[in-house]
C-alpha atoms as a PDB file:
ATOM      1  CA  ARG A   1      24.369 -43.883 -40.418  1.00  0.00           C
ATOM      2  CA  THR A   2      25.424 -42.426 -37.379  1.00  0.00           C
ATOM      3  CA  HIS A   3      23.458 -39.805 -35.600  1.00  0.00           C
ATOM      4  CA  ILE A   4      25.306 -37.385 -33.352  1.00  0.00           C
ATOM      5  CA  LYS A   5      23.462 -35.493 -30.692  1.00  0.00           C
ATOM      6  CA  VAL A   6      24.787 -32.071 -29.887  1.00  0.00           C
ATOM      7  CA  HIS A   7      23.889 -30.010 -26.733  1.00  0.00           C
ATOM      8  CA  PHE A   8      23.868 -26.450 -26.609  1.00  0.00           C
ATOM      9  CA  PHE A   9      24.156 -24.592 -23.306  1.00  0.00           C
ATOM     10  CA  PHE A  10      23.181 -21.023 -22.912  1.00  0.00           C
ATOM     11  CA  LEU A  11      24.380 -19.014 -19.771  1.00  0.00           C
ATOM     12  CA  CYS A  12      21.348 -17.293 -18.094  1.00  0.00           C
ATOM     13  CA  VAL A  13      22.183 -15.190 -15.083  1.00  0.00           C
ATOM     14  CA  ARG A  14      19.287 -15.759 -12.444  1.00  0.00           C
ATOM     15  CA  LYS A  15      19.082 -14.273  -9.033  1.00  0.00           C
ATOM     16  CA  LYS A  16      18.708 -16.281  -6.068  1.00  0.00           C
ATOM     17  CA  LYS A  17      15.231 -15.119  -5.200  1.00  0.00           C
ATOM     18  CA  THR A  18      13.140 -13.749  -7.989  1.00  0.00           C
ATOM     19  CA  ILE A  19       9.458 -12.907  -9.071  1.00  0.00           C
ATOM     20  CA  THR A  20       8.224 -13.078 -12.504  1.00  0.00           C
ATOM     21  CA  ILE A  21       6.651 -10.156 -14.310  1.00  0.00           C
ATOM     22  CA  LYS A  22       3.440 -12.155 -14.649  1.00  0.00           C
ATOM     23  CA  GLN A  23       3.280 -12.509 -10.925  1.00  0.00           C
ATOM     24  CA  ILE A  24       3.986  -8.875 -10.485  1.00  0.00           C
ATOM     25  CA  ILE A  25       1.297  -7.719 -12.715  1.00  0.00           C
ATOM     26  CA  GLN A  26      -1.310 -10.094 -11.054  1.00  0.00           C
ATOM     27  CA  THR A  27      -0.580  -9.025  -7.495  1.00  0.00           C
ATOM     28  CA  ASN A  28      -2.897  -6.554  -5.789  1.00  0.00           C
ATOM     29  CA  LYS A  29      -0.476  -3.896  -5.290  1.00  0.00           C
ATOM     30  CA  THR A  30      -0.495  -2.730  -8.989  1.00  0.00           C
ATOM     31  CA  ASN A  31      -4.357  -2.787  -9.046  1.00  0.00           C
ATOM     32  CA  GLN A  32      -4.285  -4.821 -12.202  1.00  0.00           C
ATOM     33  CA  LYS A  33      -5.692  -8.252 -11.250  1.00  0.00           C
ATOM     34  CA  LYS A  34      -5.356  -9.627 -14.759  1.00  0.00           C
ATOM     35  CA  LYS A  35      -5.668 -13.092 -16.137  1.00  0.00           C
ATOM     36  CA  GLY A  36      -2.677 -14.920 -17.919  1.00  0.00           C
ATOM     37  CA  ARG A  37      -3.880 -14.262 -21.257  1.00  0.00           C
ATOM     38  CA  GLU A  38      -4.412 -10.592 -20.650  1.00  0.00           C
ATOM     39  CA  VAL A  39      -0.962 -10.460 -18.873  1.00  0.00           C
ATOM     40  CA  LYS A  40       0.678 -11.985 -22.080  1.00  0.00           C
ATOM     41  CA  MET A  41      -0.890  -9.295 -24.145  1.00  0.00           C
ATOM     42  CA  ILE A  42       0.209  -6.587 -22.023  1.00  0.00           C
ATOM     43  CA  VAL A  43       3.761  -7.789 -21.892  1.00  0.00           C
ATOM     44  CA  MET A  44       3.958  -8.452 -25.769  1.00  0.00           C
ATOM     45  CA  SER A  45       2.430  -4.969 -26.358  1.00  0.00           C
ATOM     46  CA  ARG A  46       5.779  -3.578 -24.836  1.00  0.00           C
ATOM     47  CA  HIS A  47       4.244  -1.961 -21.754  1.00  0.00           C
ATOM     48  CA  ILE A  48       6.290  -3.215 -19.298  1.00  0.00           C
ATOM     49  CA  ARG A  49      10.006  -2.002 -18.551  1.00  0.00           C
ATOM     50  CA  VAL A  50      12.376  -3.527 -15.967  1.00  0.00           C
ATOM     51  CA  ASP A  51      15.354  -1.378 -15.010  1.00  0.00           C
ATOM     52  CA  GLY A  52      14.445   0.939 -18.022  1.00  0.00           C
ATOM     53  CA  LYS A  53      14.555  -1.989 -20.525  1.00  0.00           C
ATOM     54  CA  VAL A  54      11.410  -3.297 -22.371  1.00  0.00           C
ATOM     55  CA  ARG A  55      10.618  -6.982 -21.452  1.00  0.00           C
ATOM     56  CA  THR A  56       8.237  -9.197 -23.509  1.00  0.00           C
ATOM     57  CA  ASP A  57       8.670 -12.357 -21.441  1.00  0.00           C
ATOM     58  CA  THR A  58       6.159 -13.063 -18.856  1.00  0.00           C
ATOM     59  CA  THR A  59       8.624 -15.222 -17.117  1.00  0.00           C
ATOM     60  CA  TYR A  60      11.465 -12.732 -16.999  1.00  0.00           C
ATOM     61  CA  PRO A  61      12.681 -12.690 -13.488  1.00  0.00           C
ATOM     62  CA  CYS A  62      12.872  -9.856 -11.015  1.00  0.00           C
ATOM     63  CA  GLY A  63      14.720  -9.359  -8.042  1.00  0.00           C
ATOM     64  CA  PHE A  64      15.578  -7.177  -5.092  1.00  0.00           C
ATOM     65  CA  GLN A  65      15.653  -3.466  -5.815  1.00  0.00           C
ATOM     66  CA  ASP A  66      14.733  -3.874  -9.368  1.00  0.00           C
ATOM     67  CA  VAL A  67      12.349  -1.040 -10.679  1.00  0.00           C
ATOM     68  CA  VAL A  68       9.082  -2.083 -12.782  1.00  0.00           C
ATOM     69  CA  THR A  69       7.481   0.537 -15.087  1.00  0.00           C
ATOM     70  CA  ILE A  70       4.103   0.261 -16.594  1.00  0.00           C
ATOM     71  CA  ASN A  71       4.273   2.691 -19.467  1.00  0.00           C
ATOM     72  CA  ARG A  72       0.500   2.951 -20.089  1.00  0.00           C
ATOM     73  CA  THR A  73      -0.413   3.897 -16.441  1.00  0.00           C
ATOM     74  CA  GLY A  74       2.856   5.790 -15.671  1.00  0.00           C
ATOM     75  CA  GLU A  75       3.077   3.746 -12.478  1.00  0.00           C
ATOM     76  CA  HIS A  76       6.679   2.891 -11.001  1.00  0.00           C
ATOM     77  CA  PHE A  77       7.404   0.129  -8.524  1.00  0.00           C
ATOM     78  CA  ARG A  78      10.592  -0.987  -6.528  1.00  0.00           C
ATOM     79  CA  LEU A  79      10.846  -4.432  -5.365  1.00  0.00           C
ATOM     80  CA  ILE A  80      11.742  -4.699  -1.643  1.00  0.00           C
ATOM     81  CA  TYR A  81      11.419  -7.237   0.998  1.00  0.00           C
ATOM     82  CA  ASN A  82       8.934  -7.026   3.888  1.00  0.00           C
ATOM     83  CA  THR A  83       9.506  -8.625   7.361  1.00  0.00           C
ATOM     84  CA  LYS A  84       7.929 -11.909   6.323  1.00  0.00           C
ATOM     85  CA  GLY A  85      10.470 -12.441   3.448  1.00  0.00           C
ATOM     86  CA  ARG A  86       8.043 -11.633   0.674  1.00  0.00           C
ATOM     87  CA  PHE A  87       8.496  -9.235  -2.086  1.00  0.00           C
ATOM     88  CA  HIS A  88       6.795  -5.931  -1.714  1.00  0.00           C
ATOM     89  CA  LEU A  89       5.972  -3.448  -4.384  1.00  0.00           C
ATOM     90  CA  SER A  90       6.800  -0.106  -3.160  1.00  0.00           C
ATOM     91  CA  ARG A  91       5.270   2.669  -5.162  1.00  0.00           C
ATOM     92  CA  ILE A  92       7.906   5.439  -6.061  1.00  0.00           C
ATOM     93  CA  PRO A  93       7.982   8.702  -7.932  1.00  0.00           C
ATOM     94  CA  VAL A  94       9.360   9.335 -11.397  1.00  0.00           C
ATOM     95  CA  GLU A  95      12.506  10.880 -10.185  1.00  0.00           C
ATOM     96  CA  ASP A  96      13.363   7.827  -8.105  1.00  0.00           C
ATOM     97  CA  ALA A  97      12.544   5.480 -11.227  1.00  0.00           C
ATOM     98  CA  THR A  98      15.857   6.025 -13.040  1.00  0.00           C
ATOM     99  CA  TRP A  99      18.329   4.517 -10.417  1.00  0.00           C
ATOM    100  CA  LYS A 100      18.627   1.516  -8.121  1.00  0.00           C
ATOM    101  CA  LEU A 101      20.974   0.343  -5.191  1.00  0.00           C
ATOM    102  CA  CYS A 102      23.540  -2.432  -6.197  1.00  0.00           C
ATOM    103  CA  LYS A 103      25.459  -4.468  -3.810  1.00  0.00           C
ATOM    104  CA  ILE A 104      29.158  -5.238  -4.813  1.00  0.00           C
ATOM    105  CA  VAL A 105      29.694  -9.092  -4.640  1.00  0.00           C
ATOM    106  CA  LYS A 106      33.072  -9.113  -6.446  1.00  0.00           C
ATOM    107  CA  LYS A 107      36.063  -6.872  -7.479  1.00  0.00           C
ATOM    108  CA  ALA A 108      38.783  -8.181  -9.767  1.00  0.00           C
ATOM    109  CA  VAL A 109      41.081  -7.258 -12.685  1.00  0.00           C
ATOM    110  CA  GLY A 110      40.136  -8.748 -16.050  1.00  0.00           C
ATOM    111  CA  ALA A 111      41.879  -9.108 -19.307  1.00  0.00           C
ATOM    112  CA  ARG A 112      44.448  -6.362 -20.292  1.00  0.00           C
ATOM    113  CA  GLY A 113      44.487  -5.134 -16.557  1.00  0.00           C
ATOM    114  CA  ILE A 114      40.991  -3.667 -16.564  1.00  0.00           C
ATOM    115  CA  PRO A 115      39.432  -3.499 -13.227  1.00  0.00           C
ATOM    116  CA  PHE A 116      35.844  -4.295 -12.872  1.00  0.00           C
ATOM    117  CA  ILE A 117      33.067  -4.883 -10.371  1.00  0.00           C
ATOM    118  CA  VAL A 118      30.088  -7.209 -10.248  1.00  0.00           C
ATOM    119  CA  THR A 119      26.847  -6.324  -8.425  1.00  0.00           C
ATOM    120  CA  HIS A 120      24.185  -8.448  -6.923  1.00  0.00           C
ATOM    121  CA  ASP A 121      21.883  -8.254  -9.998  1.00  0.00           C
ATOM    122  CA  GLY A 122      24.572  -9.491 -12.397  1.00  0.00           C
ATOM    123  CA  ARG A 123      25.921  -6.378 -13.773  1.00  0.00           C
ATOM    124  CA  THR A 124      29.556  -5.842 -14.661  1.00  0.00           C
ATOM    125  CA  ILE A 125      30.942  -2.215 -14.235  1.00  0.00           C
ATOM    126  CA  PRO A 126      34.460  -1.617 -15.475  1.00  0.00           C
ATOM    127  CA  TYR A 127      36.881   1.089 -14.097  1.00  0.00           C
ATOM    128  CA  PRO A 128      35.138   1.493 -11.015  1.00  0.00           C
ATOM    129  CA  ASN A 129      35.912   3.990  -8.109  1.00  0.00           C
ATOM    130  CA  PRO A 130      39.112   2.697  -6.110  1.00  0.00           C
ATOM    131  CA  ARG A 131      37.322   3.238  -2.870  1.00  0.00           C
ATOM    132  CA  ILE A 132      34.669   0.450  -3.550  1.00  0.00           C
ATOM    133  CA  LYS A 133      35.022  -2.803  -1.616  1.00  0.00           C
ATOM    134  CA  VAL A 134      33.066  -5.935  -1.576  1.00  0.00           C
ATOM    135  CA  GLY A 135      29.894  -5.506   0.488  1.00  0.00           C
ATOM    136  CA  ASP A 136      29.470  -1.823  -0.389  1.00  0.00           C
ATOM    137  CA  THR A 137      26.369  -0.333  -1.893  1.00  0.00           C
ATOM    138  CA  ILE A 138      26.305   1.927  -4.957  1.00  0.00           C
ATOM    139  CA  LYS A 139      23.476   4.013  -6.057  1.00  0.00           C
ATOM    140  CA  TYR A 140      23.439   3.211 -10.028  1.00  0.00           C
ATOM    141  CA  ASP A 141      21.810   5.103 -12.725  1.00  0.00           C
ATOM    142  CA  PHE A 142      20.776   2.324 -15.264  1.00  0.00           C
ATOM    143  CA  PHE A 143      19.822   5.091 -17.905  1.00  0.00           C
ATOM    144  CA  LYS A 144      23.025   6.960 -18.003  1.00  0.00           C
ATOM    145  CA  GLY A 145      24.971   3.771 -16.754  1.00  0.00           C
ATOM    146  CA  LYS A 146      27.042   5.442 -14.102  1.00  0.00           C
ATOM    147  CA  MET A 147      27.282   5.488 -10.320  1.00  0.00           C
ATOM    148  CA  LEU A 148      25.795   8.204  -8.539  1.00  0.00           C
ATOM    149  CA  ASP A 149      26.963   7.515  -4.836  1.00  0.00           C
ATOM    150  CA  LEU A 150      28.581   4.995  -2.685  1.00  0.00           C
ATOM    151  CA  PHE A 151      27.365   3.583   0.572  1.00  0.00           C
ATOM    152  CA  GLU A 152      30.305   2.057   2.431  1.00  0.00           C
ATOM    153  CA  TRP A 153      30.013  -1.004   4.583  1.00  0.00           C
ATOM    154  CA  ARG A 154      30.852  -0.032   8.270  1.00  0.00           C
ATOM    155  CA  THR A 155      29.395  -0.166  11.759  1.00  0.00           C
ATOM    156  CA  GLY A 156      26.797   2.742  12.259  1.00  0.00           C
ATOM    157  CA  VAL A 157      24.895   2.564   9.041  1.00  0.00           C
ATOM    158  CA  ILE A 158      21.468   1.226   8.162  1.00  0.00           C
ATOM    159  CA  VAL A 159      21.298  -2.114   6.598  1.00  0.00           C
ATOM    160  CA  MET A 160      18.639  -4.629   5.402  1.00  0.00           C
ATOM    161  CA  VAL A 161      18.792  -8.451   5.750  1.00  0.00           C
ATOM    162  CA  ILE A 162      18.408 -10.102   2.306  1.00  0.00           C
ATOM    163  CA  GLY A 163      19.117 -13.564   3.515  1.00  0.00           C
ATOM    164  CA  GLY A 164      18.442 -16.303   6.100  1.00  0.00           C
ATOM    165  CA  ARG A 165      15.465 -16.368   8.510  1.00  0.00           C
ATOM    166  CA  ASN A 166      15.515 -12.454   9.248  1.00  0.00           C
ATOM    167  CA  VAL A 167      14.767 -11.408   5.664  1.00  0.00           C
ATOM    168  CA  GLY A 168      13.284  -7.788   5.501  1.00  0.00           C
ATOM    169  CA  ARG A 169      14.407  -6.810   8.979  1.00  0.00           C
ATOM    170  CA  VAL A 170      15.997  -3.128   8.831  1.00  0.00           C
ATOM    171  CA  GLY A 171      18.404  -1.974  11.634  1.00  0.00           C
ATOM    172  CA  ILE A 172      21.691  -0.323  12.528  1.00  0.00           C
ATOM    173  CA  LEU A 173      24.792  -2.332  12.292  1.00  0.00           C
ATOM    174  CA  GLU A 174      26.285  -2.734  15.772  1.00  0.00           C
ATOM    175  CA  LYS A 175      29.535  -4.864  15.465  1.00  0.00           C
ATOM    176  CA  LEU A 176      31.349  -7.496  13.728  1.00  0.00           C
ATOM    177  CA  GLU A 177      32.494 -10.951  14.883  1.00  0.00           C
ATOM    178  CA  LYS A 178      35.320 -12.619  12.638  1.00  0.00           C
ATOM    179  CA  HIS A 179      35.502 -16.232  12.771  1.00  0.00           C
ATOM    180  CA  PRO A 180      38.303 -17.466  10.664  1.00  0.00           C
ATOM    181  CA  GLY A 181      37.498 -20.710   8.596  1.00  0.00           C
ATOM    182  CA  SER A 182      33.626 -20.043   9.059  1.00  0.00           C
ATOM    183  CA  PHE A 183      31.056 -17.207   8.592  1.00  0.00           C
ATOM    184  CA  ASP A 184      31.731 -13.816   9.823  1.00  0.00           C
ATOM    185  CA  ILE A 185      28.544 -12.799  12.392  1.00  0.00           C
ATOM    186  CA  VAL A 186      27.381  -9.253  12.360  1.00  0.00           C
ATOM    187  CA  HIS A 187      25.002  -7.884  15.217  1.00  0.00           C
ATOM    188  CA  VAL A 188      22.095  -5.632  14.220  1.00  0.00           C
ATOM    189  CA  LYS A 189      19.744  -3.322  16.294  1.00  0.00           C
ATOM    190  CA  ASP A 190      16.462  -2.265  14.770  1.00  0.00           C
ATOM    191  CA  SER A 191      14.616   1.061  15.568  1.00  0.00           C
ATOM    192  CA  ALA A 192      12.482  -0.886  18.349  1.00  0.00           C
ATOM    193  CA  GLY A 193      15.390  -1.905  20.085  1.00  0.00           C
ATOM    194  CA  ASN A 194      15.567  -5.406  19.176  1.00  0.00           C
ATOM    195  CA  GLU A 195      18.815  -7.186  18.610  1.00  0.00           C
ATOM    196  CA  PHE A 196      19.563  -9.918  16.288  1.00  0.00           C
ATOM    197  CA  ALA A 197      22.519 -11.683  14.493  1.00  0.00           C
ATOM    198  CA  THR A 198      23.060 -12.860  10.932  1.00  0.00           C
ATOM    199  CA  ARG A 199      25.881 -13.398   8.501  1.00  0.00           C
ATOM    200  CA  ARG A 200      27.908 -10.898   6.871  1.00  0.00           C
ATOM    201  CA  GLU A 201      26.817 -11.932   3.499  1.00  0.00           C
ATOM    202  CA  ASN A 202      23.235 -11.457   4.253  1.00  0.00           C
ATOM    203  CA  LEU A 203      23.268  -7.610   4.805  1.00  0.00           C
ATOM    204  CA  PHE A 204      22.561  -4.945   2.258  1.00  0.00           C
ATOM    205  CA  VAL A 205      23.605  -1.453   3.032  1.00  0.00           C
ATOM    206  CA  LEU A 206      20.598   0.919   2.374  1.00  0.00           C
ATOM    207  CA  GLY A 207      22.302   4.465   2.935  1.00  0.00           C
ATOM    208  CA  LYS A 208      24.557   6.737   4.692  1.00  0.00           C
ATOM    209  CA  GLY A 209      24.108   6.926   8.325  1.00  0.00           C
ATOM    210  CA  THR A 210      20.717   6.046   9.822  1.00  0.00           C
ATOM    211  CA  LYS A 211      18.747   7.413   6.928  1.00  0.00           C
ATOM    212  CA  PRO A 212      17.762   5.005   4.203  1.00  0.00           C
ATOM    213  CA  ALA A 213      18.138   6.006   0.543  1.00  0.00           C
ATOM    214  CA  VAL A 214      14.925   3.998  -0.431  1.00  0.00           C
ATOM    215  CA  ARG A 215      11.406   3.993   0.707  1.00  0.00           C
ATOM    216  CA  LEU A 216      10.912   1.220   3.373  1.00  0.00           C
ATOM    217  CA  PRO A 217       7.759  -1.250   3.263  1.00  0.00           C
ATOM    218  CA  PRO A 218       5.132  -0.732   5.867  1.00  0.00           C
ATOM    219  CA  GLY A 219       6.277  -1.631   9.261  1.00  0.00           C
ATOM    220  CA  LYS A 220       9.828   0.092   8.635  1.00  0.00           C
ATOM    221  CA  GLY A 221      11.568  -3.246   8.921  1.00  0.00           C
ATOM    222  CA  ILE A 222      10.426  -4.141  12.550  1.00  0.00           C
ATOM    223  CA  LYS A 223       9.477  -7.733  12.770  1.00  0.00           C
ATOM    224  CA  LEU A 224       6.558  -8.311  15.162  1.00  0.00           C
ATOM    225  CA  ASP A 225       6.032 -11.213  17.414  1.00  0.00           C
ATOM    226  CA  VAL A 226       3.407 -13.953  16.564  1.00  0.00           C
ATOM    227  CA  VAL A 227       0.805 -12.701  19.144  1.00  0.00           C
ATOM    228  CA  THR A 228       0.789  -8.993  18.092  1.00  0.00           C
ATOM    229  CA  ASP A 229       0.914  -9.970  14.448  1.00  0.00           C
ATOM    230  CA  ARG A 230      -2.314 -12.052  14.917  1.00  0.00           C
ATOM    231  CA  ASP A 231      -4.059  -9.397  16.863  1.00  0.00           C
ATOM    232  CA  ILE A 232      -3.362  -6.772  14.048  1.00  0.00           C
ATOM    233  CA  ARG A 233      -4.657  -9.194  11.120  1.00  0.00           C
ATOM    234  CA  LEU A 234      -7.863 -10.134  13.371  1.00  0.00           C
ATOM    235  CA  SER A 235      -8.525  -6.353  13.977  1.00  0.00           C
ATOM    236  CA  LYS A 236      -8.529  -5.812  10.127  1.00  0.00           C
ATOM    237  CA  ILE A 237     -10.741  -8.749   9.526  1.00  0.00           C
ATOM    238  CA  ALA A 238     -13.284  -8.096  12.437  1.00  0.00           C
ATOM    239  CA  LYS A 239     -16.511  -6.444  11.908  1.00  0.00           C
ATOM    240  CA  PRO A 240     -17.550  -3.447  13.986  1.00  0.00           C
ATOM    241  CA  LYS A 241     -20.415  -4.325  16.525  1.00  0.00           C
ATOM    242  CA  HIS A 242     -23.627  -2.198  16.229  1.00  0.00           C
ATOM    243  CA  ASN A 243     -24.653  -0.428  19.254  1.00  0.00           C
ATOM    244  CA  GLN A 244     -27.933   1.246  19.075  1.00  0.00           C
ATOM    245  CA  ASN A 245     -27.506   3.365  22.278  1.00  0.00           C
ATOM    246  CA  GLU A 246     -24.727   5.284  20.732  1.00  0.00           C
ATOM    247  CA  LYS A 247     -25.414   8.332  18.741  1.00  0.00           C
ATOM    248  CA  LYS A 248     -24.260   8.199  15.121  1.00  0.00           C
ATOM    249  CA  THR A 249     -23.742  11.053  12.476  1.00  0.00           C
ATOM    250  CA  TYR A 250     -24.107  10.731   8.679  1.00  0.00           C
ATOM    251  CA  VAL A 251     -20.794  11.503   6.969  1.00  0.00           C
ATOM    252  CA  GLY A 252     -20.145  10.998   3.247  1.00  0.00           C
ATOM    253  CA  THR A 253     -21.578   7.546   2.277  1.00  0.00           C
ATOM    254  CA  ARG A 254     -21.290   5.648   5.373  1.00  0.00           C
ATOM    255  CA  TYR A 255     -22.338   6.046   9.107  1.00  0.00           C
ATOM    256  CA  ALA A 256     -19.409   6.841  11.316  1.00  0.00           C
ATOM    257  CA  LYS A 257     -19.437   6.914  15.118  1.00  0.00           C
ATOM    258  CA  LYS A 258     -18.450  10.086  16.918  1.00  0.00           C
ATOM    259  CA  THR A 259     -17.325  11.951  13.911  1.00  0.00           C
ATOM    260  CA  LEU A 260     -16.925  15.780  13.816  1.00  0.00           C
ATOM    261  CA  LEU A 261     -18.555  17.371  10.755  1.00  0.00           C
ATOM    262  CA  PRO A 262     -17.132  20.506   9.029  1.00  0.00           C
ATOM    263  CA  PRO A 263     -18.571  23.785  10.392  1.00  0.00           C
ATOM    264  CA  ARG A 264     -20.262  24.725   7.089  1.00  0.00           C
ATOM    265  CA  VAL A 265     -22.021  21.039   6.658  1.00  0.00           C
ATOM    266  CA  ASP A 266     -22.929  21.162  10.328  1.00  0.00           C
ATOM    267  CA  ALA A 267     -24.627  24.694   9.890  1.00  0.00           C
ATOM    268  CA  LEU A 268     -26.339  23.513   6.715  1.00  0.00           C
ATOM    269  CA  ARG A 269     -27.543  20.294   8.427  1.00  0.00           C
ATOM    270  CA  ARG A 270     -28.830  22.310  11.392  1.00  0.00           C
ATOM    271  CA  LYS A 271     -30.859  24.580   9.077  1.00  0.00           C
ATOM    272  CA  THR A 272     -32.335  21.650   7.211  1.00  0.00           C
ATOM    273  CA  ARG A 273     -33.464  19.944  10.587  1.00  0.00           C
ATOM    274  CA  GLU A 274     -35.100  23.360  11.680  1.00  0.00           C
ATOM    275  CA  LYS A 275     -37.098  23.698   8.375  1.00  0.00           C
ATOM    276  CA  SER A 276     -38.116  20.020   8.551  1.00  0.00           C
ATOM    277  CA  ARG A 277     -39.234  20.634  12.232  1.00  0.00           C
ATOM    278  CA  LEU A 278     -41.207  23.794  11.161  1.00  0.00           C
ATOM    279  CA  LEU A 279     -42.773  21.998   8.203  1.00  0.00           C
ATOM    280  CA  ARG A 280     -43.932  19.061  10.536  1.00  0.00           C
ATOM    281  CA  LEU A 281     -45.618  21.854  13.057  1.00  0.00           C
ATOM    282  CA  LEU A 282     -47.503  23.323  10.028  1.00  0.00           C
ATOM    283  CA  LYS A 283     -48.659  20.033   8.916  1.00  0.00           C
ATOM    284  CA  GLU A 284     -49.886  19.144  12.376  1.00  0.00           C
ATOM    285  CA  GLN A 285     -51.736  22.429  12.639  1.00  0.00           C
ATOM    286  CA  GLU A 286     -53.526  21.985   9.330  1.00  0.00           C
ATOM    287  CA  ARG A 287     -54.558  18.430  10.131  1.00  0.00           C
ATOM    288  CA  LYS A 288     -55.992  19.807  13.513  1.00  0.00           C
ATOM    289  CA  ALA A 289     -57.848  22.613  11.717  1.00  0.00           C
ATOM    290  CA  SER A 290     -59.297  20.083   9.071  1.00  0.00           C
ATOM    291  CA  ALA A 291     -60.345  17.896  11.784  1.00  0.00           C
ATOM    292  CA  ASN A 292     -62.060  20.751  13.760  1.00  0.00           C
ATOM    293  CA  LYS A 293     -63.980  22.118  10.790  1.00  0.00           C
ATOM    294  CA  PRO A 294     -66.526  19.345  10.271  1.00  0.00           C
ATOM    295  CA  LYS A 295     -67.552  19.493  14.024  1.00  0.00           C
ATOM    296  CA  VAL A 296     -68.201  23.342  13.605  1.00  0.00           C
ATOM    297  CA  ALA A 297     -70.504  22.568  10.752  1.00  0.00           C
ATOM    298  CA  LYS A 298     -72.388  20.059  12.616  1.00  0.00           C
ATOM    299  CA  LYS A 299     -73.074  22.259  15.524  1.00  0.00           C
ATOM    300  CA  LYS A 300     -74.341  25.072  13.079  1.00  0.00           C
ATOM    301  CA  LYS A 301     -76.668  22.549  11.360  1.00  0.00           C
ATOM    302  CA  GLU A 302     -78.011  21.397  14.909  1.00  0.00           C
ATOM    303  CA  ALA A 303     -78.492  24.914  15.851  1.00  0.00           C
ATOM    304  CA  LYS A 304     -80.636  25.635  12.839  1.00  0.00           C
ATOM    305  CA  LYS A 305     -82.693  22.617  13.320  1.00  0.00           C
ATOM    306  CA  LYS A 306     -83.565  23.580  16.931  1.00  0.00           C
ATOM    307  CA  PRO A 307     -85.624  26.630  16.171  1.00  0.00           C
ATOM    308  CA  GLU A 308     -87.563  24.940  13.256  1.00  0.00           C
ATOM    309  CA  ALA A 309     -88.535  22.097  15.753  1.00  0.00           C
ATOM    310  CA  ALA A 310     -89.398  24.784  18.291  1.00  0.00           C
ATOM    311  CA  ALA A 311     -91.532  26.772  15.821  1.00  0.00           C
ATOM    312  CA  GLN A 312     -93.477  23.434  14.778  1.00  0.00           C
ATOM    313  CA  PRO A 313     -95.120  22.745  18.218  1.00  0.00           C
ATOM    314  CA  ALA A 314     -96.038  26.626  18.607  1.00  0.00           C
ATOM    315  CA  ALA A 315     -97.928  26.420  15.169  1.00  0.00           C
ATOM    316  CA  LYS A 316     -99.802  23.137  16.380  1.00  0.00           C
ATOM    317  CA  SER A 317    -101.032  24.951  19.594  1.00  0.00           C
ATOM    318  CA  GLU A 318    -102.476  27.916  17.790  1.00  0.00           C
ATOM    319  CA  GLU A 319    -104.435  25.716  15.487  1.00  0.00           C
END
């Protein structure tokens, strides 16, 4: 007998840098903090959608600009990079949860002369707009399956770096340096005035002009230096020092220093303080009065005893 071993290969399009559904649900941004078994139950119950489609695999990869929806809570998130190169879950409204930005990575003519384009997330769109070029970004509605807008790659537009050591940085495209036989280099300037350079393939156009079409993560894509970043992190961790000489006012459920109260609350608190002060005065007066009463009674008793004592010697003298 001869045994023949047959290998089957299945094509699986995976993005360069991805994050699984399990990791997304377990992050602090979704406020879920579930265990692995609970995550599997949630996903298998068809409560998670990625780009409008239900996904039941906890290891399904999600990449840049993907829209993740939690059906039960009605929350929508868009995956975007922060300046540290990590994925940030940006919370978005329902109106923005039907579309995403896709970068064009290939443009060609297929079988029977049908033109098509390929996006960075593996989508193939036939019969595209003739004005679309490789490197441009389109606003794609994944529910209707059509293009809503086109953001052309040119100088003066806002871009985000999605590769290299400057991942997550956002700025304005200043100029392009062509190097035949090597990589083309582009120069970008962020809103803080910092300039940096990267490869042309690492840029992702975010909108027309200087206004982005998507919500940027905290920091607006400005990378801080090591010392500033350290000071910010330490200020969040550090506990405030207690100063007994500084006056405090009680607001809500915590003591806050030098906080202004609303006028109504301030007036009510003044009234209560005045009432408590008057009550203390009344109690002090009552205590003093009660302390003086027994002394008066003793004096009266002594006064009564004195005439009796004076009358007794007078009676003895008469005898």
